Amino acid sequence: MANYIKNKELREEIIVCLEADELTPKAIDMFYLLVTHFGWNLKYKNPEDRKDCESQAMMDLYMYWRNYNPKYPNAFAYFTQLTKNGFAKGWRTIHPHKEIHISLSHGTIHSI
């Protein structure tokens, strides 16, 4: 397998998977490649955070791949968005949102 994913190949493979109602090893490899390449530009202080976010992204791809509608030609965009959402979900799980208060008069930020 190449070190990149072509939209046409991804779309064709997902259609095969939808018809069989299961992911093929090739589709799983494509998902793995998508997740690892997506995470390259993200910076993490803790390497375990990266692994957790990648795991969440893979889980989201696995959970929602059947929702892809083959009538739309851009499978790559659909699965990239699933990956992005998975990374964000993983990050929110690791680091729950804290309420932030900004004092404009003093120029300070306080988190609660």
Protein backbone atom coordinates (compact mmCIF):
# COMPACT_ATOMS: atom_id res chain seq x y z
CA MET A 1 0.00 0.00 0.00
CA ALA A 2 1.22 3.49 -0.81
CA ASN A 3 1.91 6.04 1.90
CA TYR A 4 -1.05 8.15 0.82
CA ILE A 5 -4.72 7.54 0.09
CA LYS A 6 -6.44 8.39 -3.17
CA ASN A 7 -10.08 9.39 -2.94
CA LYS A 8 -11.10 7.06 -5.76
CA GLU A 9 -9.45 4.02 -4.15
CA LEU A 10 -10.90 4.80 -0.73
CA ARG A 11 -14.38 5.27 -2.15
CA GLU A 12 -14.22 2.02 -4.14
CA GLU A 13 -12.96 0.08 -1.12
CA ILE A 14 -15.68 1.47 1.15
CA ILE A 15 -18.34 0.54 -1.40
CA VAL A 16 -16.99 -3.04 -1.37
CA CYS A 17 -17.15 -2.96 2.44
CA LEU A 18 -20.70 -1.61 2.44
CA GLU A 19 -21.82 -4.39 0.10
CA ALA A 20 -20.17 -7.03 2.33
CA ASP A 21 -21.22 -5.23 5.53
CA GLU A 22 -17.71 -5.56 6.96
CA LEU A 23 -14.41 -3.75 6.70
CA THR A 24 -11.74 -5.31 4.55
CA PRO A 25 -8.10 -5.41 5.69
CA LYS A 26 -7.31 -2.88 2.95
CA ALA A 27 -9.93 -0.46 4.31
CA ILE A 28 -8.54 -0.85 7.84
CA ASP A 29 -5.05 -0.10 6.50
CA MET A 30 -6.41 3.00 4.78
CA PHE A 31 -8.03 4.15 8.03
CA TYR A 32 -4.77 3.60 9.90
CA LEU A 33 -2.87 5.61 7.30
CA LEU A 34 -5.44 8.40 7.47
CA VAL A 35 -5.21 8.60 11.26
CA THR A 36 -1.42 8.54 11.43
CA HIS A 37 -1.02 11.14 8.68
CA PHE A 38 -3.67 13.40 10.19
CA GLY A 39 -1.88 13.41 13.53
CA TRP A 40 1.52 14.44 12.13
CA ASN A 41 0.82 18.17 12.38
CA LEU A 42 -0.64 18.01 15.88
CA LYS A 43 1.68 18.73 18.80
CA TYR A 44 1.33 16.93 22.11
CA LYS A 45 3.34 17.42 25.30
CA ASN A 46 2.59 13.85 26.34
CA PRO A 47 3.05 11.07 23.73
CA GLU A 48 0.31 9.07 25.47
CA ASP A 49 -2.17 11.84 24.62
CA ARG A 50 -1.34 11.37 20.92
CA LYS A 51 -1.93 7.62 21.19
CA ASP A 52 -5.23 8.16 23.00
CA CYS A 53 -6.44 10.62 20.36
CA GLU A 54 -5.36 8.31 17.53
CA SER A 55 -7.21 5.44 19.20
CA GLN A 56 -10.36 7.52 19.50
CA ALA A 57 -10.12 8.54 15.84
CA MET A 58 -9.75 4.89 14.76
CA MET A 59 -12.70 3.92 16.93
CA ASP A 60 -14.83 6.65 15.36
CA LEU A 61 -13.86 5.50 11.86
CA TYR A 62 -14.78 1.95 12.80
CA MET A 63 -18.08 2.99 14.39
CA TYR A 64 -19.30 5.34 11.65
CA TRP A 65 -17.89 4.00 8.36
CA ARG A 66 -21.29 2.53 7.45
CA ASN A 67 -22.82 6.03 7.45
CA TYR A 68 -20.90 6.98 4.30
CA ASN A 69 -23.30 7.52 1.40
CA PRO A 70 -21.72 6.30 -1.88
CA LYS A 71 -23.76 8.78 -3.92
CA TYR A 72 -21.34 11.46 -2.69
CA PRO A 73 -18.05 11.21 -4.57
CA ASN A 74 -15.69 12.55 -1.91
CA ALA A 75 -15.13 9.69 0.51
CA PHE A 76 -11.79 11.16 1.52
CA ALA A 77 -13.46 14.30 2.89
CA TYR A 78 -16.01 12.25 4.85
CA PHE A 79 -13.40 10.02 6.49
CA THR A 80 -11.01 12.89 7.12
CA GLN A 81 -13.78 14.71 8.97
CA LEU A 82 -14.51 11.58 11.01
CA THR A 83 -10.81 11.43 11.87
CA LYS A 84 -10.73 15.09 12.86
CA ASN A 85 -13.79 14.64 15.05
CA GLY A 86 -12.24 11.55 16.64
CA PHE A 87 -9.06 13.44 17.52
CA ALA A 88 -11.13 16.25 19.04
CA LYS A 89 -13.27 13.80 20.99
CA GLY A 90 -10.15 12.10 22.33
CA TRP A 91 -8.66 15.42 23.38
CA ARG A 92 -11.86 16.50 25.14
CA THR A 93 -11.91 13.18 27.00
CA ILE A 94 -8.34 13.59 28.20
CA HIS A 95 -8.59 17.31 28.98
CA PRO A 96 -12.15 18.25 29.93
CA HIS A 97 -13.07 21.84 29.22
CA LYS A 98 -12.44 24.20 32.09
CA GLU A 99 -14.38 27.39 32.42
CA ILE A 100 -12.14 30.35 31.64
CA HIS A 101 -12.73 33.86 32.90
CA ILE A 102 -10.93 36.76 31.23
CA SER A 103 -10.60 40.04 33.02
CA LEU A 104 -10.40 42.73 30.36
CA SER A 105 -9.62 45.52 32.82
CA HIS A 106 -6.49 43.78 34.17
CA GLY A 107 -5.60 41.70 31.10
CA THR A 108 -5.52 38.50 33.09
CA ILE A 109 -6.98 35.06 32.46
CA HIS A 110 -8.27 32.89 35.28
CA SER A 111 -9.38 29.31 34.94
CA ILE A 112 -11.74 27.72 37.42
